[in-house]
Amino acid sequence: MTPDERLAAFLSEEAAPAQSGSARPSVDAMFVAEVMQAVGRRELRIKLASAAVTAVAAGAVLWACAPVLDLAVQILAPVLLPVAGILTVAAAVVVALGGQGLARR
């Protein structure tokens, strides 16, 4: 019986004593914590595995598209360089003036 099944059986209404007047048995906190920890680890492994698969797939797609992206960067970079410089200076001014405004409050 797995820890999840043991926990479900322990906490279920069917596991309550047969006497009608008695209360449900007390819950073993350590057992519940261990089961929750095991379930959390299992969910973490699943999420990490899916993130790894997604990263590998994205890397493969970008690797396949690299020649096209390289060509696009070579064509667009000289055109967008002045615009990028102007936007960088504007962002620096906004950050500098915004920081002074926040310091006054």
PDB file of N, CA and C in Angstrom:
ATOM      1  N   MET A   1       0.853  -1.173   0.000  1.00  0.00           N
ATOM      2  CA  MET A   1       0.000   0.000   0.000  1.00  0.00           C
ATOM      3  C   MET A   1       0.904   1.243   0.000  1.00  0.00           C
ATOM      4  N   THR A   2       0.662   2.142  -0.924  1.00  0.00           N
ATOM      5  CA  THR A   2       1.489   3.347  -1.025  1.00  0.00           C
ATOM      6  C   THR A   2       1.117   4.329   0.083  1.00  0.00           C
ATOM      7  N   PRO A   3       1.989   5.267   0.382  1.00  0.00           N
ATOM      8  CA  PRO A   3       1.656   6.256   1.418  1.00  0.00           C
ATOM      9  C   PRO A   3       0.391   7.034   1.094  1.00  0.00           C
ATOM     10  N   ASP A   4       0.147   7.332  -0.186  1.00  0.00           N
ATOM     11  CA  ASP A   4      -1.077   8.049  -0.549  1.00  0.00           C
ATOM     12  C   ASP A   4      -2.308   7.214  -0.224  1.00  0.00           C
ATOM     13  N   GLU A   5      -2.243   5.939  -0.535  1.00  0.00           N
ATOM     14  CA  GLU A   5      -3.376   5.057  -0.253  1.00  0.00           C
ATOM     15  C   GLU A   5      -3.574   4.899   1.251  1.00  0.00           C
ATOM     16  N   ARG A   6      -2.476   4.794   1.994  1.00  0.00           N
ATOM     17  CA  ARG A   6      -2.589   4.682   3.450  1.00  0.00           C
ATOM     18  C   ARG A   6      -3.217   5.926   4.038  1.00  0.00           C
ATOM     19  N   LEU A   7      -2.810   7.093   3.528  1.00  0.00           N
ATOM     20  CA  LEU A   7      -3.382   8.342   4.025  1.00  0.00           C
ATOM     21  C   LEU A   7      -4.863   8.427   3.691  1.00  0.00           C
ATOM     22  N   ALA A   8      -5.229   8.056   2.474  1.00  0.00           N
ATOM     23  CA  ALA A   8      -6.637   8.103   2.087  1.00  0.00           C
ATOM     24  C   ALA A   8      -7.461   7.156   2.944  1.00  0.00           C
ATOM     25  N   ALA A   9      -6.939   5.966   3.199  1.00  0.00           N
ATOM     26  CA  ALA A   9      -7.665   5.010   4.034  1.00  0.00           C
ATOM     27  C   ALA A   9      -7.756   5.499   5.473  1.00  0.00           C
ATOM     28  N   PHE A  10      -6.704   6.123   5.950  1.00  0.00           N
ATOM     29  CA  PHE A  10      -6.673   6.602   7.327  1.00  0.00           C
ATOM     30  C   PHE A  10      -7.644   7.751   7.542  1.00  0.00           C
ATOM     31  N   LEU A  11      -7.747   8.620   6.562  1.00  0.00           N
ATOM     32  CA  LEU A  11      -8.584   9.808   6.720  1.00  0.00           C
ATOM     33  C   LEU A  11     -10.013   9.625   6.220  1.00  0.00           C
ATOM     34  N   SER A  12     -10.289   8.518   5.576  1.00  0.00           N
ATOM     35  CA  SER A  12     -11.630   8.328   5.017  1.00  0.00           C
ATOM     36  C   SER A  12     -12.642   8.046   6.116  1.00  0.00           C
ATOM     37  N   GLU A  13     -13.893   8.275   5.775  1.00  0.00           N
ATOM     38  CA  GLU A  13     -14.974   8.051   6.729  1.00  0.00           C
ATOM     39  C   GLU A  13     -15.162   6.554   6.988  1.00  0.00           C
ATOM     40  N   GLU A  14     -14.786   5.730   6.045  1.00  0.00           N
ATOM     41  CA  GLU A  14     -14.937   4.288   6.209  1.00  0.00           C
ATOM     42  C   GLU A  14     -13.956   3.741   7.238  1.00  0.00           C
ATOM     43  N   ALA A  15     -12.868   4.453   7.457  1.00  0.00           N
ATOM     44  CA  ALA A  15     -11.865   3.996   8.406  1.00  0.00           C
ATOM     45  C   ALA A  15     -12.233   4.351   9.841  1.00  0.00           C
ATOM     46  N   ALA A  16     -13.318   5.086  10.031  1.00  0.00           N
ATOM     47  CA  ALA A  16     -13.754   5.471  11.373  1.00  0.00           C
ATOM     48  C   ALA A  16     -14.181   4.220  12.141  1.00  0.00           C
ATOM     49  N   PRO A  17     -14.065   4.255  13.459  1.00  0.00           N
ATOM     50  CA  PRO A  17     -14.464   3.089  14.255  1.00  0.00           C
ATOM     51  C   PRO A  17     -15.940   2.751  14.065  1.00  0.00           C
ATOM     52  N   ALA A  18     -16.263   1.500  14.302  1.00  0.00           N
ATOM     53  CA  ALA A  18     -17.635   1.028  14.093  1.00  0.00           C
ATOM     54  C   ALA A  18     -18.597   1.593  15.130  1.00  0.00           C
ATOM     55  N   GLN A  19     -18.103   2.010  16.270  1.00  0.00           N
ATOM     56  CA  GLN A  19     -18.980   2.553  17.309  1.00  0.00           C
ATOM     57  C   GLN A  19     -19.553   3.878  16.825  1.00  0.00           C
ATOM     58  N   SER A  20     -20.849   4.044  16.969  1.00  0.00           N
ATOM     59  CA  SER A  20     -21.500   5.237  16.439  1.00  0.00           C
ATOM     60  C   SER A  20     -21.188   6.483  17.268  1.00  0.00           C
ATOM     61  N   GLY A  21     -20.939   6.333  18.541  1.00  0.00           N
ATOM     62  CA  GLY A  21     -20.743   7.498  19.396  1.00  0.00           C
ATOM     63  C   GLY A  21     -19.307   7.980  19.468  1.00  0.00           C
ATOM     64  N   SER A  22     -18.354   7.218  18.989  1.00  0.00           N
ATOM     65  CA  SER A  22     -16.956   7.612  19.129  1.00  0.00           C
ATOM     66  C   SER A  22     -16.537   8.561  18.005  1.00  0.00           C
ATOM     67  N   ALA A  23     -15.522   9.352  18.300  1.00  0.00           N
ATOM     68  CA  ALA A  23     -15.016  10.315  17.321  1.00  0.00           C
ATOM     69  C   ALA A  23     -14.012   9.630  16.385  1.00  0.00           C
ATOM     70  N   ARG A  24     -13.676  10.304  15.299  1.00  0.00           N
ATOM     71  CA  ARG A  24     -12.680   9.774  14.364  1.00  0.00           C
ATOM     72  C   ARG A  24     -11.322   9.733  15.045  1.00  0.00           C
ATOM     73  N   PRO A  25     -10.463   8.809  14.631  1.00  0.00           N
ATOM     74  CA  PRO A  25      -9.142   8.729  15.253  1.00  0.00           C
ATOM     75  C   PRO A  25      -8.327   9.981  14.961  1.00  0.00           C
ATOM     76  N   SER A  26      -7.404  10.282  15.851  1.00  0.00           N
ATOM     77  CA  SER A  26      -6.572  11.468  15.650  1.00  0.00           C
ATOM     78  C   SER A  26      -5.656  11.248  14.462  1.00  0.00           C
ATOM     79  N   VAL A  27      -5.297  12.339  13.794  1.00  0.00           N
ATOM     80  CA  VAL A  27      -4.474  12.279  12.603  1.00  0.00           C
ATOM     81  C   VAL A  27      -3.011  12.336  13.016  1.00  0.00           C
ATOM     82  N   ASP A  28      -2.205  11.438  12.476  1.00  0.00           N
ATOM     83  CA  ASP A  28      -0.773  11.427  12.739  1.00  0.00           C
ATOM     84  C   ASP A  28      -0.128  12.523  11.891  1.00  0.00           C
ATOM     85  N   ALA A  29       0.299  13.582  12.530  1.00  0.00           N
ATOM     86  CA  ALA A  29       0.818  14.751  11.820  1.00  0.00           C
ATOM     87  C   ALA A  29       2.099  14.422  11.051  1.00  0.00           C
ATOM     88  N   MET A  30       2.956  13.608  11.602  1.00  0.00           N
ATOM     89  CA  MET A  30       4.206  13.262  10.921  1.00  0.00           C
ATOM     90  C   MET A  30       3.928  12.466   9.643  1.00  0.00           C
ATOM     91  N   PHE A  31       2.987  11.530   9.731  1.00  0.00           N
ATOM     92  CA  PHE A  31       2.641  10.738   8.564  1.00  0.00           C
ATOM     93  C   PHE A  31       2.067  11.620   7.465  1.00  0.00           C
ATOM     94  N   VAL A  32       1.158  12.517   7.838  1.00  0.00           N
ATOM     95  CA  VAL A  32       0.551  13.430   6.867  1.00  0.00           C
ATOM     96  C   VAL A  32       1.625  14.330   6.251  1.00  0.00           C
ATOM     97  N   ALA A  33       2.556  14.826   7.066  1.00  0.00           N
ATOM     98  CA  ALA A  33       3.616  15.694   6.552  1.00  0.00           C
ATOM     99  C   ALA A  33       4.517  14.935   5.584  1.00  0.00           C
ATOM    100  N   GLU A  34       4.845  13.685   5.899  1.00  0.00           N
ATOM    101  CA  GLU A  34       5.693  12.891   5.003  1.00  0.00           C
ATOM    102  C   GLU A  34       5.001  12.611   3.670  1.00  0.00           C
ATOM    103  N   VAL A  35       3.717  12.308   3.736  1.00  0.00           N
ATOM    104  CA  VAL A  35       2.978  12.046   2.499  1.00  0.00           C
ATOM    105  C   VAL A  35       2.888  13.318   1.670  1.00  0.00           C
ATOM    106  N   MET A  36       2.609  14.451   2.309  1.00  0.00           N
ATOM    107  CA  MET A  36       2.534  15.717   1.585  1.00  0.00           C
ATOM    108  C   MET A  36       3.886  16.063   0.964  1.00  0.00           C
ATOM    109  N   GLN A  37       4.952  15.779   1.681  1.00  0.00           N
ATOM    110  CA  GLN A  37       6.295  16.043   1.164  1.00  0.00           C
ATOM    111  C   GLN A  37       6.587  15.150  -0.052  1.00  0.00           C
ATOM    112  N   ALA A  38       6.198  13.900   0.019  1.00  0.00           N
ATOM    113  CA  ALA A  38       6.416  12.989  -1.110  1.00  0.00           C
ATOM    114  C   ALA A  38       5.605  13.425  -2.328  1.00  0.00           C
ATOM    115  N   VAL A  39       4.378  13.851  -2.104  1.00  0.00           N
ATOM    116  CA  VAL A  39       3.545  14.323  -3.204  1.00  0.00           C
ATOM    117  C   VAL A  39       4.140  15.602  -3.798  1.00  0.00           C
ATOM    118  N   GLY A  40       4.619  16.493  -2.949  1.00  0.00           N
ATOM    119  CA  GLY A  40       5.250  17.720  -3.423  1.00  0.00           C
ATOM    120  C   GLY A  40       6.494  17.451  -4.246  1.00  0.00           C
ATOM    121  N   ARG A  41       7.305  16.494  -3.807  1.00  0.00           N
ATOM    122  CA  ARG A  41       8.503  16.129  -4.570  1.00  0.00           C
ATOM    123  C   ARG A  41       8.137  15.557  -5.933  1.00  0.00           C
ATOM    124  N   ARG A  42       7.099  14.719  -5.949  1.00  0.00           N
ATOM    125  CA  ARG A  42       6.664  14.125  -7.213  1.00  0.00           C
ATOM    126  C   ARG A  42       6.183  15.214  -8.176  1.00  0.00           C
ATOM    127  N   GLU A  43       5.405  16.175  -7.680  1.00  0.00           N
ATOM    128  CA  GLU A  43       4.934  17.268  -8.529  1.00  0.00           C
ATOM    129  C   GLU A  43       6.100  18.125  -9.020  1.00  0.00           C
ATOM    130  N   LEU A  44       7.098  18.354  -8.162  1.00  0.00           N
ATOM    131  CA  LEU A  44       8.271  19.132  -8.565  1.00  0.00           C
ATOM    132  C   LEU A  44       9.030  18.419  -9.679  1.00  0.00           C
ATOM    133  N   ARG A  45       9.208  17.100  -9.546  1.00  0.00           N
ATOM    134  CA  ARG A  45       9.905  16.344 -10.591  1.00  0.00           C
ATOM    135  C   ARG A  45       9.162  16.429 -11.923  1.00  0.00           C
ATOM    136  N   ILE A  46       7.840  16.345 -11.865  1.00  0.00           N
ATOM    137  CA  ILE A  46       7.042  16.423 -13.094  1.00  0.00           C
ATOM    138  C   ILE A  46       7.185  17.801 -13.728  1.00  0.00           C
ATOM    139  N   LYS A  47       7.120  18.855 -12.919  1.00  0.00           N
ATOM    140  CA  LYS A  47       7.252  20.212 -13.447  1.00  0.00           C
ATOM    141  C   LYS A  47       8.648  20.454 -14.017  1.00  0.00           C
ATOM    142  N   LEU A  48       9.680  19.962 -13.334  1.00  0.00           N
ATOM    143  CA  LEU A  48      11.040  20.124 -13.843  1.00  0.00           C
ATOM    144  C   LEU A  48      11.239  19.358 -15.150  1.00  0.00           C
ATOM    145  N   ALA A  49      10.678  18.168 -15.226  1.00  0.00           N
ATOM    146  CA  ALA A  49      10.805  17.386 -16.456  1.00  0.00           C
ATOM    147  C   ALA A  49      10.101  18.079 -17.616  1.00  0.00           C
ATOM    148  N   SER A  50       8.925  18.615 -17.371  1.00  0.00           N
ATOM    149  CA  SER A  50       8.214  19.303 -18.460  1.00  0.00           C
ATOM    150  C   SER A  50       8.936  20.584 -18.861  1.00  0.00           C
ATOM    151  N   ALA A  51       9.528  21.293 -17.897  1.00  0.00           N
ATOM    152  CA  ALA A  51      10.298  22.495 -18.226  1.00  0.00           C
ATOM    153  C   ALA A  51      11.537  22.133 -19.038  1.00  0.00           C
ATOM    154  N   ALA A  52      12.182  21.024 -18.697  1.00  0.00           N
ATOM    155  CA  ALA A  52      13.361  20.592 -19.442  1.00  0.00           C
ATOM    156  C   ALA A  52      12.997  20.208 -20.876  1.00  0.00           C
ATOM    157  N   VAL A  53      11.895  19.505 -21.043  1.00  0.00           N
ATOM    158  CA  VAL A  53      11.454  19.128 -22.389  1.00  0.00           C
ATOM    159  C   VAL A  53      11.134  20.383 -23.203  1.00  0.00           C
ATOM    160  N   THR A  54      10.475  21.350 -22.585  1.00  0.00           N
ATOM    161  CA  THR A  54      10.148  22.603 -23.273  1.00  0.00           C
ATOM    162  C   THR A  54      11.413  23.353 -23.663  1.00  0.00           C
ATOM    163  N   ALA A  55      12.394  23.409 -22.772  1.00  0.00           N
ATOM    164  CA  ALA A  55      13.649  24.103 -23.074  1.00  0.00           C
ATOM    165  C   ALA A  55      14.402  23.425 -24.208  1.00  0.00           C
ATOM    166  N   VAL A  56      14.427  22.105 -24.212  1.00  0.00           N
ATOM    167  CA  VAL A  56      15.108  21.384 -25.284  1.00  0.00           C
ATOM    168  C   VAL A  56      14.403  21.623 -26.613  1.00  0.00           C
ATOM    169  N   ALA A  57      13.079  21.591 -26.599  1.00  0.00           N
ATOM    170  CA  ALA A  57      12.326  21.822 -27.835  1.00  0.00           C
ATOM    171  C   ALA A  57      12.540  23.243 -28.347  1.00  0.00           C
ATOM    172  N   ALA A  58      12.508  24.228 -27.446  1.00  0.00           N
ATOM    173  CA  ALA A  58      12.744  25.614 -27.858  1.00  0.00           C
ATOM    174  C   ALA A  58      14.154  25.789 -28.400  1.00  0.00           C
ATOM    175  N   GLY A  59      15.130  25.154 -27.775  1.00  0.00           N
ATOM    176  CA  GLY A  59      16.503  25.217 -28.266  1.00  0.00           C
ATOM    177  C   GLY A  59      16.640  24.608 -29.639  1.00  0.00           C
ATOM    178  N   ALA A  60      15.960  23.497 -29.880  1.00  0.00           N
ATOM    179  CA  ALA A  60      16.019  22.856 -31.196  1.00  0.00           C
ATOM    180  C   ALA A  60      15.386  23.741 -32.265  1.00  0.00           C
ATOM    181  N   VAL A  61      14.268  24.372 -31.926  1.00  0.00           N
ATOM    182  CA  VAL A  61      13.609  25.262 -32.885  1.00  0.00           C
ATOM    183  C   VAL A  61      14.492  26.461 -33.194  1.00  0.00           C
ATOM    184  N   LEU A  62      15.080  27.070 -32.165  1.00  0.00           N
ATOM    185  CA  LEU A  62      15.963  28.220 -32.398  1.00  0.00           C
ATOM    186  C   LEU A  62      17.212  27.820 -33.172  1.00  0.00           C
ATOM    187  N   TRP A  63      17.750  26.644 -32.895  1.00  0.00           N
ATOM    188  CA  TRP A  63      18.917  26.171 -33.637  1.00  0.00           C
ATOM    189  C   TRP A  63      18.574  25.979 -35.110  1.00  0.00           C
ATOM    190  N   ALA A  64      17.374  25.462 -35.382  1.00  0.00           N
ATOM    191  CA  ALA A  64      16.946  25.258 -36.761  1.00  0.00           C
ATOM    192  C   ALA A  64      16.707  26.590 -37.473  1.00  0.00           C
ATOM    193  N   CYS A  65      16.258  27.586 -36.726  1.00  0.00           N
ATOM    194  CA  CYS A  65      15.966  28.901 -37.313  1.00  0.00           C
ATOM    195  C   CYS A  65      17.168  29.842 -37.286  1.00  0.00           C
ATOM    196  N   ALA A  66      18.293  29.429 -36.783  1.00  0.00           N
ATOM    197  CA  ALA A  66      19.455  30.306 -36.620  1.00  0.00           C
ATOM    198  C   ALA A  66      19.918  30.957 -37.924  1.00  0.00           C
ATOM    199  N   PRO A  67      19.991  30.243 -39.039  1.00  0.00           N
ATOM    200  CA  PRO A  67      20.438  30.924 -40.265  1.00  0.00           C
ATOM    201  C   PRO A  67      19.506  32.067 -40.690  1.00  0.00           C
ATOM    202  N   VAL A  68      18.209  31.846 -40.573  1.00  0.00           N
ATOM    203  CA  VAL A  68      17.247  32.889 -40.944  1.00  0.00           C
ATOM    204  C   VAL A  68      17.330  34.055 -39.973  1.00  0.00           C
ATOM    205  N   LEU A  69      17.439  33.763 -38.683  1.00  0.00           N
ATOM    206  CA  LEU A  69      17.533  34.830 -37.688  1.00  0.00           C
ATOM    207  C   LEU A  69      18.827  35.617 -37.853  1.00  0.00           C
ATOM    208  N   ASP A  70      19.906  34.949 -38.182  1.00  0.00           N
ATOM    209  CA  ASP A  70      21.178  35.642 -38.393  1.00  0.00           C
ATOM    210  C   ASP A  70      21.074  36.603 -39.577  1.00  0.00           C
ATOM    211  N   LEU A  71      20.446  36.163 -40.638  1.00  0.00           N
ATOM    212  CA  LEU A  71      20.254  37.015 -41.812  1.00  0.00           C
ATOM    213  C   LEU A  71      19.382  38.220 -41.473  1.00  0.00           C
ATOM    214  N   ALA A  72      18.316  37.993 -40.698  1.00  0.00           N
ATOM    215  CA  ALA A  72      17.430  39.086 -40.320  1.00  0.00           C
ATOM    216  C   ALA A  72      18.154  40.103 -39.441  1.00  0.00           C
ATOM    217  N   VAL A  73      18.987  39.638 -38.533  1.00  0.00           N
ATOM    218  CA  VAL A  73      19.742  40.550 -37.668  1.00  0.00           C
ATOM    219  C   VAL A  73      20.738  41.361 -38.484  1.00  0.00           C
ATOM    220  N   GLN A  74      21.402  40.717 -39.431  1.00  0.00           N
ATOM    221  CA  GLN A  74      22.368  41.436 -40.261  1.00  0.00           C
ATOM    222  C   GLN A  74      21.700  42.516 -41.106  1.00  0.00           C
ATOM    223  N   ILE A  75      20.476  42.281 -41.550  1.00  0.00           N
ATOM    224  CA  ILE A  75      19.764  43.261 -42.370  1.00  0.00           C
ATOM    225  C   ILE A  75      19.186  44.382 -41.515  1.00  0.00           C
ATOM    226  N   LEU A  76      18.591  44.033 -40.370  1.00  0.00           N
ATOM    227  CA  LEU A  76      17.868  45.021 -39.570  1.00  0.00           C
ATOM    228  C   LEU A  76      18.744  45.802 -38.600  1.00  0.00           C
ATOM    229  N   ALA A  77      19.870  45.270 -38.191  1.00  0.00           N
ATOM    230  CA  ALA A  77      20.695  45.936 -37.177  1.00  0.00           C
ATOM    231  C   ALA A  77      21.149  47.327 -37.596  1.00  0.00           C
ATOM    232  N   PRO A  78      21.668  47.541 -38.785  1.00  0.00           N
ATOM    233  CA  PRO A  78      22.096  48.899 -39.153  1.00  0.00           C
ATOM    234  C   PRO A  78      20.927  49.890 -39.202  1.00  0.00           C
ATOM    235  N   VAL A  79      19.743  49.402 -39.564  1.00  0.00           N
ATOM    236  CA  VAL A  79      18.579  50.280 -39.662  1.00  0.00           C
ATOM    237  C   VAL A  79      18.078  50.667 -38.270  1.00  0.00           C
ATOM    238  N   LEU A  80      18.088  49.718 -37.347  1.00  0.00           N
ATOM    239  CA  LEU A  80      17.507  49.955 -36.023  1.00  0.00           C
ATOM    240  C   LEU A  80      18.499  50.506 -35.000  1.00  0.00           C
ATOM    241  N   LEU A  81      19.763  50.598 -35.343  1.00  0.00           N
ATOM    242  CA  LEU A  81      20.766  51.075 -34.397  1.00  0.00           C
ATOM    243  C   LEU A  81      20.488  52.494 -33.899  1.00  0.00           C
ATOM    244  N   PRO A  82      20.188  53.468 -34.752  1.00  0.00           N
ATOM    245  CA  PRO A  82      19.890  54.814 -34.235  1.00  0.00           C
ATOM    246  C   PRO A  82      18.645  54.844 -33.345  1.00  0.00           C
ATOM    247  N   VAL A  83      17.636  54.103 -33.719  1.00  0.00           N
ATOM    248  CA  VAL A  83      16.414  54.061 -32.921  1.00  0.00           C
ATOM    249  C   VAL A  83      16.708  53.461 -31.549  1.00  0.00           C
ATOM    250  N   ALA A  84      17.498  52.403 -31.500  1.00  0.00           N
ATOM    251  CA  ALA A  84      17.847  51.776 -30.228  1.00  0.00           C
ATOM    252  C   ALA A  84      18.631  52.732 -29.346  1.00  0.00           C
ATOM    253  N   GLY A  85      19.542  53.507 -29.938  1.00  0.00           N
ATOM    254  CA  GLY A  85      20.302  54.491 -29.165  1.00  0.00           C
ATOM    255  C   GLY A  85      19.411  55.561 -28.578  1.00  0.00           C
ATOM    256  N   ILE A  86      18.480  56.071 -29.368  1.00  0.00           N
ATOM    257  CA  ILE A  86      17.560  57.111 -28.885  1.00  0.00           C
ATOM    258  C   ILE A  86      16.683  56.558 -27.770  1.00  0.00           C
ATOM    259  N   LEU A  87      16.162  55.357 -27.938  1.00  0.00           N
ATOM    260  CA  LEU A  87      15.313  54.752 -26.897  1.00  0.00           C
ATOM    261  C   LEU A  87      16.098  54.479 -25.618  1.00  0.00           C
ATOM    262  N   THR A  88      17.360  54.121 -25.730  1.00  0.00           N
ATOM    263  CA  THR A  88      18.192  53.880 -24.553  1.00  0.00           C
ATOM    264  C   THR A  88      18.415  55.172 -23.773  1.00  0.00           C
ATOM    265  N   VAL A  89      18.719  56.252 -24.471  1.00  0.00           N
ATOM    266  CA  VAL A  89      18.909  57.552 -23.801  1.00  0.00           C
ATOM    267  C   VAL A  89      17.605  58.006 -23.159  1.00  0.00           C
ATOM    268  N   ALA A  90      16.482  57.845 -23.860  1.00  0.00           N
ATOM    269  CA  ALA A  90      15.184  58.242 -23.304  1.00  0.00           C
ATOM    270  C   ALA A  90      14.855  57.421 -22.056  1.00  0.00           C
ATOM    271  N   ALA A  91      15.130  56.131 -22.076  1.00  0.00           N
ATOM    272  CA  ALA A  91      14.865  55.286 -20.905  1.00  0.00           C
ATOM    273  C   ALA A  91      15.744  55.689 -19.740  1.00  0.00           C
ATOM    274  N   ALA A  92      17.010  56.030 -19.996  1.00  0.00           N
ATOM    275  CA  ALA A  92      17.906  56.465 -18.919  1.00  0.00           C
ATOM    276  C   ALA A  92      17.405  57.758 -18.288  1.00  0.00           C
ATOM    277  N   VAL A  93      16.920  58.696 -19.105  1.00  0.00           N
ATOM    278  CA  VAL A  93      16.389  59.958 -18.578  1.00  0.00           C
ATOM    279  C   VAL A  93      15.148  59.698 -17.736  1.00  0.00           C
ATOM    280  N   VAL A  94      14.261  58.855 -18.209  1.00  0.00           N
ATOM    281  CA  VAL A  94      13.036  58.550 -17.455  1.00  0.00           C
ATOM    282  C   VAL A  94      13.375  57.893 -16.129  1.00  0.00           C
ATOM    283  N   VAL A  95      14.325  56.957 -16.119  1.00  0.00           N
ATOM    284  CA  VAL A  95      14.710  56.291 -14.874  1.00  0.00           C
ATOM    285  C   VAL A  95      15.342  57.290 -13.917  1.00  0.00           C
ATOM    286  N   ALA A  96      16.188  58.174 -14.421  1.00  0.00           N
ATOM    287  CA  ALA A  96      16.841  59.163 -13.555  1.00  0.00           C
ATOM    288  C   ALA A  96      15.841  60.130 -12.962  1.00  0.00           C
ATOM    289  N   LEU A  97      14.948  60.638 -13.781  1.00  0.00           N
ATOM    290  CA  LEU A  97      13.954  61.587 -13.280  1.00  0.00           C
ATOM    291  C   LEU A  97      12.910  60.888 -12.417  1.00  0.00           C
ATOM    292  N   GLY A  98      12.565  59.676 -12.755  1.00  0.00           N
ATOM    293  CA  GLY A  98      11.588  58.933 -11.960  1.00  0.00           C
ATOM    294  C   GLY A  98      12.157  58.586 -10.589  1.00  0.00           C
ATOM    295  N   GLY A  99      13.427  58.284 -10.518  1.00  0.00           N
ATOM    296  CA  GLY A  99      14.063  57.974  -9.235  1.00  0.00           C
ATOM    297  C   GLY A  99      14.105  59.182  -8.323  1.00  0.00           C
ATOM    298  N   GLN A 100      14.326  60.358  -8.886  1.00  0.00           N
ATOM    299  CA  GLN A 100      14.324  61.580  -8.074  1.00  0.00           C
ATOM    300  C   GLN A 100      12.934  61.874  -7.553  1.00  0.00           C
ATOM    301  N   GLY A 101      11.936  61.645  -8.376  1.00  0.00           N
ATOM    302  CA  GLY A 101      10.547  61.878  -7.948  1.00  0.00           C
ATOM    303  C   GLY A 101      10.139  60.939  -6.823  1.00  0.00           C
ATOM    304  N   LEU A 102      10.591  59.711  -6.878  1.00  0.00           N
ATOM    305  CA  LEU A 102      10.253  58.754  -5.831  1.00  0.00           C
ATOM    306  C   LEU A 102      11.010  59.068  -4.538  1.00  0.00           C
ATOM    307  N   ALA A 103      12.216  59.615  -4.650  1.00  0.00           N
ATOM    308  CA  ALA A 103      12.993  59.935  -3.460  1.00  0.00           C
ATOM    309  C   ALA A 103      12.374  61.078  -2.676  1.00  0.00           C
ATOM    310  N   ARG A 104      11.670  61.980  -3.352  1.00  0.00           N
ATOM    311  CA  ARG A 104      11.038  63.127  -2.678  1.00  0.00           C
ATOM    312  C   ARG A 104       9.828  62.705  -1.854  1.00  0.00           C
ATOM    313  N   ARG A 105       9.168  61.641  -2.246  1.00  0.00           N
ATOM    314  CA  ARG A 105       7.944  61.233  -1.538  1.00  0.00           C
ATOM    315  C   ARG A 105       8.268  60.602  -0.266  1.00  0.00           C
TER     316      ARG A 105
END
